[in-house]
Amino acid sequence: MRVAIALGKEEGRVYPGPFGHAPRYAIYEAAEEGLRLVEVRENPHANEHGEEKHAKMRALLQDVDLKVGARFGHGGSLGAFPVAGRLEVGPVSLEEALALLMERRNSAG
């Protein structure tokens, strides 16, 4: 499973705004041993809005199974990411977000 964590400009922090406006994403691969950082991916669509942005974001993160951020938009007819594929953690440190992911993973089985 691949996870994208919205990163802010401040090193080591989850982006405090909506997931799609984050300037970059830390992409992690979840394995039996834990989470392994694969890459940090820039978000060229951070300042865009509207229906086209949602399609571009889906393409940018097409290899990701779970999106992790401080908050997400309302969704609805705009085609935002499905609730099942996202986790709101608030504007926490990256370390705290990773701990929440591991806790969620361990409680799931």
PDB file of N, CA and C in Angstrom:
ATOM      1  N   MET A   1       0.841  -1.169   0.000  1.00  0.00           N
ATOM      2  CA  MET A   1       0.000   0.000   0.000  1.00  0.00           C
ATOM      3  C   MET A   1       0.894   1.243   0.000  1.00  0.00           C
ATOM      4  N   ARG A   2       0.504   2.227  -0.801  1.00  0.00           N
ATOM      5  CA  ARG A   2       1.224   3.503  -0.840  1.00  0.00           C
ATOM      6  C   ARG A   2       0.407   4.586  -0.154  1.00  0.00           C
ATOM      7  N   VAL A   3       1.115   5.452   0.552  1.00  0.00           N
ATOM      8  CA  VAL A   3       0.497   6.525   1.325  1.00  0.00           C
ATOM      9  C   VAL A   3       1.128   7.850   0.909  1.00  0.00           C
ATOM     10  N   ALA A   4       0.295   8.884   0.722  1.00  0.00           N
ATOM     11  CA  ALA A   4       0.790  10.240   0.446  1.00  0.00           C
ATOM     12  C   ALA A   4       0.442  11.119   1.638  1.00  0.00           C
ATOM     13  N   ILE A   5       1.461  11.734   2.231  1.00  0.00           N
ATOM     14  CA  ILE A   5       1.256  12.651   3.346  1.00  0.00           C
ATOM     15  C   ILE A   5       1.526  14.066   2.844  1.00  0.00           C
ATOM     16  N   ALA A   6       0.536  14.943   3.008  1.00  0.00           N
ATOM     17  CA  ALA A   6       0.673  16.333   2.582  1.00  0.00           C
ATOM     18  C   ALA A   6       1.725  17.028   3.440  1.00  0.00           C
ATOM     19  N   LEU A   7       2.738  17.609   2.797  1.00  0.00           N
ATOM     20  CA  LEU A   7       3.810  18.288   3.520  1.00  0.00           C
ATOM     21  C   LEU A   7       3.746  19.790   3.300  1.00  0.00           C
ATOM     22  N   GLY A   8       4.008  20.526   4.366  1.00  0.00           N
ATOM     23  CA  GLY A   8       4.076  21.973   4.269  1.00  0.00           C
ATOM     24  C   GLY A   8       5.481  22.421   3.911  1.00  0.00           C
ATOM     25  N   LYS A   9       5.651  23.717   3.818  1.00  0.00           N
ATOM     26  CA  LYS A   9       6.975  24.276   3.529  1.00  0.00           C
ATOM     27  C   LYS A   9       7.897  24.113   4.724  1.00  0.00           C
ATOM     28  N   GLU A  10       7.302  24.119   5.927  1.00  0.00           N
ATOM     29  CA  GLU A  10       8.085  23.917   7.144  1.00  0.00           C
ATOM     30  C   GLU A  10       8.496  22.449   7.224  1.00  0.00           C
ATOM     31  N   GLU A  11       9.753  22.213   7.342  1.00  0.00           N
ATOM     32  CA  GLU A  11      10.294  20.853   7.352  1.00  0.00           C
ATOM     33  C   GLU A  11       9.690  20.014   8.480  1.00  0.00           C
ATOM     34  N   GLY A  12       9.268  18.801   8.157  1.00  0.00           N
ATOM     35  CA  GLY A  12       8.795  17.873   9.166  1.00  0.00           C
ATOM     36  C   GLY A  12       7.390  18.117   9.679  1.00  0.00           C
ATOM     37  N   ARG A  13       6.569  18.869   8.931  1.00  0.00           N
ATOM     38  CA  ARG A  13       5.196  19.170   9.374  1.00  0.00           C
ATOM     39  C   ARG A  13       4.203  18.792   8.276  1.00  0.00           C
ATOM     40  N   VAL A  14       3.029  18.331   8.706  1.00  0.00           N
ATOM     41  CA  VAL A  14       1.920  18.098   7.781  1.00  0.00           C
ATOM     42  C   VAL A  14       1.392  19.472   7.364  1.00  0.00           C
ATOM     43  N   TYR A  15       1.082  19.624   6.088  1.00  0.00           N
ATOM     44  CA  TYR A  15       0.546  20.888   5.579  1.00  0.00           C
ATOM     45  C   TYR A  15      -0.743  21.216   6.324  1.00  0.00           C
ATOM     46  N   PRO A  16      -0.886  22.434   6.895  1.00  0.00           N
ATOM     47  CA  PRO A  16      -2.041  22.740   7.738  1.00  0.00           C
ATOM     48  C   PRO A  16      -3.339  23.012   6.983  1.00  0.00           C
ATOM     49  N   GLY A  17      -3.273  23.232   5.687  1.00  0.00           N
ATOM     50  CA  GLY A  17      -4.471  23.536   4.904  1.00  0.00           C
ATOM     51  C   GLY A  17      -5.037  22.309   4.212  1.00  0.00           C
ATOM     52  N   PRO A  18      -5.940  22.530   3.242  1.00  0.00           N
ATOM     53  CA  PRO A  18      -6.540  21.416   2.508  1.00  0.00           C
ATOM     54  C   PRO A  18      -5.493  20.573   1.768  1.00  0.00           C
ATOM     55  N   PHE A  19      -5.705  19.286   1.763  1.00  0.00           N
ATOM     56  CA  PHE A  19      -4.773  18.322   1.178  1.00  0.00           C
ATOM     57  C   PHE A  19      -4.307  18.718  -0.228  1.00  0.00           C
ATOM     58  N   GLY A  20      -5.227  19.103  -1.087  1.00  0.00           N
ATOM     59  CA  GLY A  20      -4.887  19.406  -2.481  1.00  0.00           C
ATOM     60  C   GLY A  20      -4.067  20.662  -2.669  1.00  0.00           C
ATOM     61  N   HIS A  21      -3.930  21.477  -1.621  1.00  0.00           N
ATOM     62  CA  HIS A  21      -3.143  22.714  -1.717  1.00  0.00           C
ATOM     63  C   HIS A  21      -1.727  22.558  -1.168  1.00  0.00           C
ATOM     64  N   ALA A  22      -1.398  21.368  -0.703  1.00  0.00           N
ATOM     65  CA  ALA A  22      -0.051  21.129  -0.166  1.00  0.00           C
ATOM     66  C   ALA A  22       0.982  21.298  -1.278  1.00  0.00           C
ATOM     67  N   PRO A  23       2.120  21.904  -0.976  1.00  0.00           N
ATOM     68  CA  PRO A  23       3.146  22.091  -2.003  1.00  0.00           C
ATOM     69  C   PRO A  23       3.867  20.806  -2.408  1.00  0.00           C
ATOM     70  N   ARG A  24       3.802  19.788  -1.552  1.00  0.00           N
ATOM     71  CA  ARG A  24       4.474  18.516  -1.869  1.00  0.00           C
ATOM     72  C   ARG A  24       3.907  17.401  -1.003  1.00  0.00           C
ATOM     73  N   TYR A  25       4.232  16.178  -1.391  1.00  0.00           N
ATOM     74  CA  TYR A  25       3.738  14.995  -0.681  1.00  0.00           C
ATOM     75  C   TYR A  25       4.886  14.030  -0.423  1.00  0.00           C
ATOM     76  N   ALA A  26       4.921  13.493   0.792  1.00  0.00           N
ATOM     77  CA  ALA A  26       5.854  12.416   1.111  1.00  0.00           C
ATOM     78  C   ALA A  26       5.130  11.117   0.766  1.00  0.00           C
ATOM     79  N   ILE A  27       5.708  10.346  -0.137  1.00  0.00           N
ATOM     80  CA  ILE A  27       5.112   9.080  -0.574  1.00  0.00           C
ATOM     81  C   ILE A  27       5.814   7.946   0.173  1.00  0.00           C
ATOM     82  N   TYR A  28       5.028   7.192   0.916  1.00  0.00           N
ATOM     83  CA  TYR A  28       5.549   6.069   1.694  1.00  0.00           C
ATOM     84  C   TYR A  28       4.974   4.765   1.172  1.00  0.00           C
ATOM     85  N   GLU A  29       5.766   3.723   1.267  1.00  0.00           N
ATOM     86  CA  GLU A  29       5.332   2.362   0.958  1.00  0.00           C
ATOM     87  C   GLU A  29       5.171   1.647   2.291  1.00  0.00           C
ATOM     88  N   ALA A  30       3.988   1.087   2.510  1.00  0.00           N
ATOM     89  CA  ALA A  30       3.736   0.333   3.739  1.00  0.00           C
ATOM     90  C   ALA A  30       4.095  -1.131   3.488  1.00  0.00           C
ATOM     91  N   ALA A  31       4.963  -1.645   4.325  1.00  0.00           N
ATOM     92  CA  ALA A  31       5.372  -3.046   4.238  1.00  0.00           C
ATOM     93  C   ALA A  31       5.251  -3.655   5.630  1.00  0.00           C
ATOM     94  N   GLU A  32       5.502  -4.943   5.731  1.00  0.00           N
ATOM     95  CA  GLU A  32       5.411  -5.611   7.037  1.00  0.00           C
ATOM     96  C   GLU A  32       6.320  -4.973   8.069  1.00  0.00           C
ATOM     97  N   GLU A  33       7.491  -4.507   7.622  1.00  0.00           N
ATOM     98  CA  GLU A  33       8.475  -3.919   8.530  1.00  0.00           C
ATOM     99  C   GLU A  33       8.091  -2.515   8.982  1.00  0.00           C
ATOM    100  N   GLY A  34       7.165  -1.878   8.287  1.00  0.00           N
ATOM    101  CA  GLY A  34       6.777  -0.508   8.631  1.00  0.00           C
ATOM    102  C   GLY A  34       6.630   0.339   7.379  1.00  0.00           C
ATOM    103  N   LEU A  35       6.800   1.642   7.539  1.00  0.00           N
ATOM    104  CA  LEU A  35       6.662   2.581   6.432  1.00  0.00           C
ATOM    105  C   LEU A  35       8.038   2.994   5.927  1.00  0.00           C
ATOM    106  N   ARG A  36       8.199   2.981   4.597  1.00  0.00           N
ATOM    107  CA  ARG A  36       9.474   3.351   3.982  1.00  0.00           C
ATOM    108  C   ARG A  36       9.238   4.514   3.025  1.00  0.00           C
ATOM    109  N   LEU A  37       9.982   5.612   3.205  1.00  0.00           N
ATOM    110  CA  LEU A  37       9.856   6.761   2.319  1.00  0.00           C
ATOM    111  C   LEU A  37      10.348   6.386   0.927  1.00  0.00           C
ATOM    112  N   VAL A  38       9.491   6.593  -0.079  1.00  0.00           N
ATOM    113  CA  VAL A  38       9.835   6.288  -1.472  1.00  0.00           C
ATOM    114  C   VAL A  38      10.329   7.546  -2.178  1.00  0.00           C
ATOM    115  N   GLU A  39       9.608   8.652  -1.978  1.00  0.00           N
ATOM    116  CA  GLU A  39       9.978   9.911  -2.630  1.00  0.00           C
ATOM    117  C   GLU A  39       9.214  11.069  -2.010  1.00  0.00           C
ATOM    118  N   VAL A  40       9.675  12.267  -2.298  1.00  0.00           N
ATOM    119  CA  VAL A  40       8.922  13.477  -1.999  1.00  0.00           C
ATOM    120  C   VAL A  40       8.525  14.043  -3.353  1.00  0.00           C
ATOM    121  N   ARG A  41       7.216  14.147  -3.566  1.00  0.00           N
ATOM    122  CA  ARG A  41       6.666  14.533  -4.868  1.00  0.00           C
ATOM    123  C   ARG A  41       6.110  15.951  -4.804  1.00  0.00           C
ATOM    124  N   GLU A  42       6.573  16.806  -5.693  1.00  0.00           N
ATOM    125  CA  GLU A  42       6.083  18.183  -5.767  1.00  0.00           C
ATOM    126  C   GLU A  42       4.648  18.198  -6.293  1.00  0.00           C
ATOM    127  N   ASN A  43       3.871  19.182  -5.864  1.00  0.00           N
ATOM    128  CA  ASN A  43       2.494  19.345  -6.331  1.00  0.00           C
ATOM    129  C   ASN A  43       2.416  20.587  -7.222  1.00  0.00           C
ATOM    130  N   PRO A  44       2.484  20.417  -8.544  1.00  0.00           N
ATOM    131  CA  PRO A  44       2.423  21.566  -9.442  1.00  0.00           C
ATOM    132  C   PRO A  44       1.024  22.183  -9.529  1.00  0.00           C
ATOM    133  N   HIS A  45       0.036  21.559  -8.912  1.00  0.00           N
ATOM    134  CA  HIS A  45      -1.358  22.021  -8.981  1.00  0.00           C
ATOM    135  C   HIS A  45      -1.837  22.672  -7.682  1.00  0.00           C
ATOM    136  N   ALA A  46      -0.922  22.939  -6.765  1.00  0.00           N
ATOM    137  CA  ALA A  46      -1.283  23.438  -5.432  1.00  0.00           C
ATOM    138  C   ALA A  46      -2.130  24.705  -5.472  1.00  0.00           C
ATOM    139  N   ASN A  47      -1.893  25.591  -6.402  1.00  0.00           N
ATOM    140  CA  ASN A  47      -2.613  26.871  -6.433  1.00  0.00           C
ATOM    141  C   ASN A  47      -3.800  26.874  -7.390  1.00  0.00           C
ATOM    142  N   GLU A  48      -4.112  25.736  -7.979  1.00  0.00           N
ATOM    143  CA  GLU A  48      -5.243  25.648  -8.901  1.00  0.00           C
ATOM    144  C   GLU A  48      -6.532  25.355  -8.133  1.00  0.00           C
ATOM    145  N   HIS A  49      -7.670  25.534  -8.816  1.00  0.00           N
ATOM    146  CA  HIS A  49      -8.985  25.282  -8.228  1.00  0.00           C
ATOM    147  C   HIS A  49      -9.893  24.676  -9.285  1.00  0.00           C
ATOM    148  N   GLY A  50     -10.990  24.052  -8.848  1.00  0.00           N
ATOM    149  CA  GLY A  50     -12.032  23.594  -9.754  1.00  0.00           C
ATOM    150  C   GLY A  50     -11.921  22.156 -10.192  1.00  0.00           C
ATOM    151  N   GLU A  51     -12.846  21.794 -11.066  1.00  0.00           N
ATOM    152  CA  GLU A  51     -12.995  20.415 -11.545  1.00  0.00           C
ATOM    153  C   GLU A  51     -11.718  19.883 -12.193  1.00  0.00           C
ATOM    154  N   GLU A  52     -11.048  20.707 -12.993  1.00  0.00           N
ATOM    155  CA  GLU A  52      -9.824  20.254 -13.664  1.00  0.00           C
ATOM    156  C   GLU A  52      -8.746  19.885 -12.653  1.00  0.00           C
ATOM    157  N   LYS A  53      -8.681  20.629 -11.560  1.00  0.00           N
ATOM    158  CA  LYS A  53      -7.672  20.333 -10.547  1.00  0.00           C
ATOM    159  C   LYS A  53      -7.867  18.938  -9.969  1.00  0.00           C
ATOM    160  N   HIS A  54      -9.107  18.553  -9.716  1.00  0.00           N
ATOM    161  CA  HIS A  54      -9.367  17.230  -9.137  1.00  0.00           C
ATOM    162  C   HIS A  54      -8.863  16.120 -10.049  1.00  0.00           C
ATOM    163  N   ALA A  55      -9.074  16.269 -11.337  1.00  0.00           N
ATOM    164  CA  ALA A  55      -8.582  15.272 -12.296  1.00  0.00           C
ATOM    165  C   ALA A  55      -7.058  15.239 -12.293  1.00  0.00           C
ATOM    166  N   LYS A  56      -6.433  16.407 -12.240  1.00  0.00           N
ATOM    167  CA  LYS A  56      -4.969  16.475 -12.217  1.00  0.00           C
ATOM    168  C   LYS A  56      -4.412  15.858 -10.939  1.00  0.00           C
ATOM    169  N   MET A  57      -5.100  16.089  -9.821  1.00  0.00           N
ATOM    170  CA  MET A  57      -4.639  15.523  -8.551  1.00  0.00           C
ATOM    171  C   MET A  57      -4.774  14.003  -8.544  1.00  0.00           C
ATOM    172  N   ARG A  58      -5.868  13.501  -9.105  1.00  0.00           N
ATOM    173  CA  ARG A  58      -6.021  12.037  -9.200  1.00  0.00           C
ATOM    174  C   ARG A  58      -4.891  11.444 -10.033  1.00  0.00           C
ATOM    175  N   ALA A  59      -4.521  12.112 -11.121  1.00  0.00           N
ATOM    176  CA  ALA A  59      -3.429  11.630 -11.965  1.00  0.00           C
ATOM    177  C   ALA A  59      -2.091  11.707 -11.219  1.00  0.00           C
ATOM    178  N   LEU A  60      -1.865  12.814 -10.509  1.00  0.00           N
ATOM    179  CA  LEU A  60      -0.609  12.995  -9.772  1.00  0.00           C
ATOM    180  C   LEU A  60      -0.418  11.911  -8.710  1.00  0.00           C
ATOM    181  N   LEU A  61      -1.518  11.506  -8.074  1.00  0.00           N
ATOM    182  CA  LEU A  61      -1.442  10.542  -6.976  1.00  0.00           C
ATOM    183  C   LEU A  61      -2.113   9.211  -7.319  1.00  0.00           C
ATOM    184  N   GLN A  62      -2.093   8.852  -8.589  1.00  0.00           N
ATOM    185  CA  GLN A  62      -2.781   7.638  -9.036  1.00  0.00           C
ATOM    186  C   GLN A  62      -2.205   6.361  -8.425  1.00  0.00           C
ATOM    187  N   ASP A  63      -0.963   6.381  -7.996  1.00  0.00           N
ATOM    188  CA  ASP A  63      -0.329   5.194  -7.411  1.00  0.00           C
ATOM    189  C   ASP A  63      -0.468   5.136  -5.894  1.00  0.00           C
ATOM    190  N   VAL A  64      -1.268   6.047  -5.328  1.00  0.00           N
ATOM    191  CA  VAL A  64      -1.411   6.156  -3.875  1.00  0.00           C
ATOM    192  C   VAL A  64      -2.764   5.598  -3.438  1.00  0.00           C
ATOM    193  N   ASP A  65      -2.751   4.797  -2.366  1.00  0.00           N
ATOM    194  CA  ASP A  65      -3.967   4.183  -1.838  1.00  0.00           C
ATOM    195  C   ASP A  65      -4.605   4.993  -0.713  1.00  0.00           C
ATOM    196  N   LEU A  66      -3.798   5.726   0.051  1.00  0.00           N
ATOM    197  CA  LEU A  66      -4.298   6.482   1.190  1.00  0.00           C
ATOM    198  C   LEU A  66      -3.676   7.869   1.191  1.00  0.00           C
ATOM    199  N   LYS A  67      -4.525   8.896   1.308  1.00  0.00           N
ATOM    200  CA  LYS A  67      -4.071  10.274   1.390  1.00  0.00           C
ATOM    201  C   LYS A  67      -4.192  10.718   2.841  1.00  0.00           C
ATOM    202  N   VAL A  68      -3.127  11.324   3.369  1.00  0.00           N
ATOM    203  CA  VAL A  68      -3.089  11.768   4.753  1.00  0.00           C
ATOM    204  C   VAL A  68      -2.825  13.263   4.779  1.00  0.00           C
ATOM    205  N   GLY A  69      -3.700  14.002   5.463  1.00  0.00           N
ATOM    206  CA  GLY A  69      -3.524  15.447   5.538  1.00  0.00           C
ATOM    207  C   GLY A  69      -4.193  16.026   6.764  1.00  0.00           C
ATOM    208  N   ALA A  70      -3.971  17.320   6.976  1.00  0.00           N
ATOM    209  CA  ALA A  70      -4.584  18.010   8.106  1.00  0.00           C
ATOM    210  C   ALA A  70      -6.087  18.113   7.910  1.00  0.00           C
ATOM    211  N   ARG A  71      -6.497  18.389   6.659  1.00  0.00           N
ATOM    212  CA  ARG A  71      -7.933  18.458   6.360  1.00  0.00           C
ATOM    213  C   ARG A  71      -8.156  18.284   4.865  1.00  0.00           C
ATOM    214  N   PHE A  72      -9.395  17.962   4.536  1.00  0.00           N
ATOM    215  CA  PHE A  72      -9.798  17.726   3.157  1.00  0.00           C
ATOM    216  C   PHE A  72     -10.999  18.601   2.835  1.00  0.00           C
ATOM    217  N   GLY A  73     -11.237  18.855   1.542  1.00  0.00           N
ATOM    218  CA  GLY A  73     -12.407  19.628   1.116  1.00  0.00           C
ATOM    219  C   GLY A  73     -13.684  18.853   1.337  1.00  0.00           C
ATOM    220  N   HIS A  74     -14.819  19.459   0.963  1.00  0.00           N
ATOM    221  CA  HIS A  74     -16.107  18.803   1.209  1.00  0.00           C
ATOM    222  C   HIS A  74     -16.413  17.672   0.249  1.00  0.00           C
ATOM    223  N   GLY A  75     -15.815  17.632  -0.916  1.00  0.00           N
ATOM    224  CA  GLY A  75     -16.099  16.537  -1.849  1.00  0.00           C
ATOM    225  C   GLY A  75     -17.370  16.775  -2.613  1.00  0.00           C
ATOM    226  N   GLY A  76     -18.318  15.855  -2.501  1.00  0.00           N
ATOM    227  CA  GLY A  76     -19.577  15.996  -3.225  1.00  0.00           C
ATOM    228  C   GLY A  76     -19.376  15.851  -4.716  1.00  0.00           C
ATOM    229  N   SER A  77     -20.031  16.704  -5.479  1.00  0.00           N
ATOM    230  CA  SER A  77     -20.006  16.579  -6.930  1.00  0.00           C
ATOM    231  C   SER A  77     -18.689  17.020  -7.548  1.00  0.00           C
ATOM    232  N   LEU A  78     -17.797  17.600  -6.772  1.00  0.00           N
ATOM    233  CA  LEU A  78     -16.529  18.052  -7.332  1.00  0.00           C
ATOM    234  C   LEU A  78     -15.560  16.905  -7.578  1.00  0.00           C
ATOM    235  N   GLY A  79     -15.880  15.720  -7.112  1.00  0.00           N
ATOM    236  CA  GLY A  79     -15.026  14.562  -7.381  1.00  0.00           C
ATOM    237  C   GLY A  79     -13.827  14.458  -6.466  1.00  0.00           C
ATOM    238  N   ALA A  80     -13.918  14.971  -5.257  1.00  0.00           N
ATOM    239  CA  ALA A  80     -12.798  14.883  -4.317  1.00  0.00           C
ATOM    240  C   ALA A  80     -12.537  13.423  -3.970  1.00  0.00           C
ATOM    241  N   PHE A  81     -11.418  13.180  -3.315  1.00  0.00           N
ATOM    242  CA  PHE A  81     -11.018  11.818  -2.976  1.00  0.00           C
ATOM    243  C   PHE A  81     -12.062  11.163  -2.077  1.00  0.00           C
ATOM    244  N   PRO A  82     -12.322   9.869  -2.259  1.00  0.00           N
ATOM    245  CA  PRO A  82     -13.304   9.184  -1.422  1.00  0.00           C
ATOM    246  C   PRO A  82     -12.847   9.147   0.029  1.00  0.00           C
ATOM    247  N   VAL A  83     -13.796   9.212   0.939  1.00  0.00           N
ATOM    248  CA  VAL A  83     -13.506   9.227   2.369  1.00  0.00           C
ATOM    249  C   VAL A  83     -12.695   8.010   2.779  1.00  0.00           C
ATOM    250  N   ALA A  84     -12.984   6.852   2.207  1.00  0.00           N
ATOM    251  CA  ALA A  84     -12.279   5.625   2.568  1.00  0.00           C
ATOM    252  C   ALA A  84     -10.790   5.708   2.243  1.00  0.00           C
ATOM    253  N   GLY A  85     -10.404   6.570   1.321  1.00  0.00           N
ATOM    254  CA  GLY A  85      -9.010   6.658   0.906  1.00  0.00           C
ATOM    255  C   GLY A  85      -8.256   7.813   1.525  1.00  0.00           C
ATOM    256  N   ARG A  86      -8.766   8.337   2.638  1.00  0.00           N
ATOM    257  CA  ARG A  86      -8.068   9.467   3.250  1.00  0.00           C
ATOM    258  C   ARG A  86      -8.140   9.407   4.771  1.00  0.00           C
ATOM    259  N   LEU A  87      -7.191  10.083   5.389  1.00  0.00           N
ATOM    260  CA  LEU A  87      -7.104  10.127   6.843  1.00  0.00           C
ATOM    261  C   LEU A  87      -6.751  11.545   7.255  1.00  0.00           C
ATOM    262  N   GLU A  88      -7.637  12.185   8.029  1.00  0.00           N
ATOM    263  CA  GLU A  88      -7.370  13.524   8.561  1.00  0.00           C
ATOM    264  C   GLU A  88      -6.628  13.382   9.877  1.00  0.00           C
ATOM    265  N   VAL A  89      -5.476  14.050   9.976  1.00  0.00           N
ATOM    266  CA  VAL A  89      -4.664  13.956  11.190  1.00  0.00           C
ATOM    267  C   VAL A  89      -4.469  15.311  11.868  1.00  0.00           C
ATOM    268  N   GLY A  90      -4.917  16.383  11.243  1.00  0.00           N
ATOM    269  CA  GLY A  90      -4.692  17.719  11.795  1.00  0.00           C
ATOM    270  C   GLY A  90      -3.294  18.202  11.456  1.00  0.00           C
ATOM    271  N   PRO A  91      -2.977  19.450  11.818  1.00  0.00           N
ATOM    272  CA  PRO A  91      -1.662  20.024  11.494  1.00  0.00           C
ATOM    273  C   PRO A  91      -0.587  19.566  12.473  1.00  0.00           C
ATOM    274  N   VAL A  92      -0.240  18.309  12.395  1.00  0.00           N
ATOM    275  CA  VAL A  92       0.717  17.691  13.317  1.00  0.00           C
ATOM    276  C   VAL A  92       2.088  17.587  12.664  1.00  0.00           C
ATOM    277  N   SER A  93       3.041  17.092  13.415  1.00  0.00           N
ATOM    278  CA  SER A  93       4.367  16.841  12.841  1.00  0.00           C
ATOM    279  C   SER A  93       4.295  15.600  11.957  1.00  0.00           C
ATOM    280  N   LEU A  94       5.242  15.476  11.069  1.00  0.00           N
ATOM    281  CA  LEU A  94       5.307  14.297  10.206  1.00  0.00           C
ATOM    282  C   LEU A  94       5.467  13.041  11.062  1.00  0.00           C
ATOM    283  N   GLU A  95       6.259  13.142  12.109  1.00  0.00           N
ATOM    284  CA  GLU A  95       6.468  12.018  13.028  1.00  0.00           C
ATOM    285  C   GLU A  95       5.148  11.564  13.665  1.00  0.00           C
ATOM    286  N   GLU A  96       4.325  12.534  14.089  1.00  0.00           N
ATOM    287  CA  GLU A  96       3.024  12.200  14.683  1.00  0.00           C
ATOM    288  C   GLU A  96       2.095  11.557  13.652  1.00  0.00           C
ATOM    289  N   ALA A  97       2.119  12.060  12.419  1.00  0.00           N
ATOM    290  CA  ALA A  97       1.285  11.485  11.359  1.00  0.00           C
ATOM    291  C   ALA A  97       1.691  10.045  11.080  1.00  0.00           C
ATOM    292  N   LEU A  98       2.986   9.777  11.046  1.00  0.00           N
ATOM    293  CA  LEU A  98       3.463   8.407  10.817  1.00  0.00           C
ATOM    294  C   LEU A  98       3.059   7.494  11.965  1.00  0.00           C
ATOM    295  N   ALA A  99       3.113   7.996  13.195  1.00  0.00           N
ATOM    296  CA  ALA A  99       2.700   7.202  14.362  1.00  0.00           C
ATOM    297  C   ALA A  99       1.211   6.878  14.280  1.00  0.00           C
ATOM    298  N   LEU A 100       0.387   7.854  13.871  1.00  0.00           N
ATOM    299  CA  LEU A 100      -1.049   7.607  13.715  1.00  0.00           C
ATOM    300  C   LEU A 100      -1.314   6.559  12.632  1.00  0.00           C
ATOM    301  N   LEU A 101      -0.555   6.626  11.556  1.00  0.00           N
ATOM    302  CA  LEU A 101      -0.697   5.621  10.488  1.00  0.00           C
ATOM    303  C   LEU A 101      -0.361   4.225  10.997  1.00  0.00           C
ATOM    304  N   MET A 102       0.731   4.106  11.742  1.00  0.00           N
ATOM    305  CA  MET A 102       1.133   2.799  12.265  1.00  0.00           C
ATOM    306  C   MET A 102       0.092   2.294  13.264  1.00  0.00           C
ATOM    307  N   GLU A 103      -0.446   3.184  14.086  1.00  0.00           N
ATOM    308  CA  GLU A 103      -1.473   2.808  15.059  1.00  0.00           C
ATOM    309  C   GLU A 103      -2.710   2.291  14.327  1.00  0.00           C
ATOM    310  N   ARG A 104      -3.109   3.005  13.287  1.00  0.00           N
ATOM    311  CA  ARG A 104      -4.285   2.604  12.497  1.00  0.00           C
ATOM    312  C   ARG A 104      -4.041   1.257  11.828  1.00  0.00           C
ATOM    313  N   ARG A 105      -2.841   1.084  11.299  1.00  0.00           N
ATOM    314  CA  ARG A 105      -2.494  -0.159  10.616  1.00  0.00           C
ATOM    315  C   ARG A 105      -2.494  -1.343  11.593  1.00  0.00           C
ATOM    316  N   ASN A 106      -1.928  -1.136  12.772  1.00  0.00           N
ATOM    317  CA  ASN A 106      -1.867  -2.205  13.766  1.00  0.00           C
ATOM    318  C   ASN A 106      -3.252  -2.573  14.292  1.00  0.00           C
ATOM    319  N   SER A 107      -4.138  -1.598  14.402  1.00  0.00           N
ATOM    320  CA  SER A 107      -5.489  -1.898  14.905  1.00  0.00           C
ATOM    321  C   SER A 107      -6.348  -2.557  13.841  1.00  0.00           C
ATOM    322  N   ALA A 108      -5.965  -2.406  12.559  1.00  0.00           N
ATOM    323  CA  ALA A 108      -6.719  -2.998  11.459  1.00  0.00           C
ATOM    324  C   ALA A 108      -6.398  -4.473  11.284  1.00  0.00           C
ATOM    325  N   GLY A 109      -5.356  -4.920  11.861  1.00  0.00           N
ATOM    326  CA  GLY A 109      -5.093  -6.340  11.743  1.00  0.00           C
ATOM    327  C   GLY A 109      -3.673  -6.613  11.658  1.00  0.00           C
TER     328      GLY A 109
END
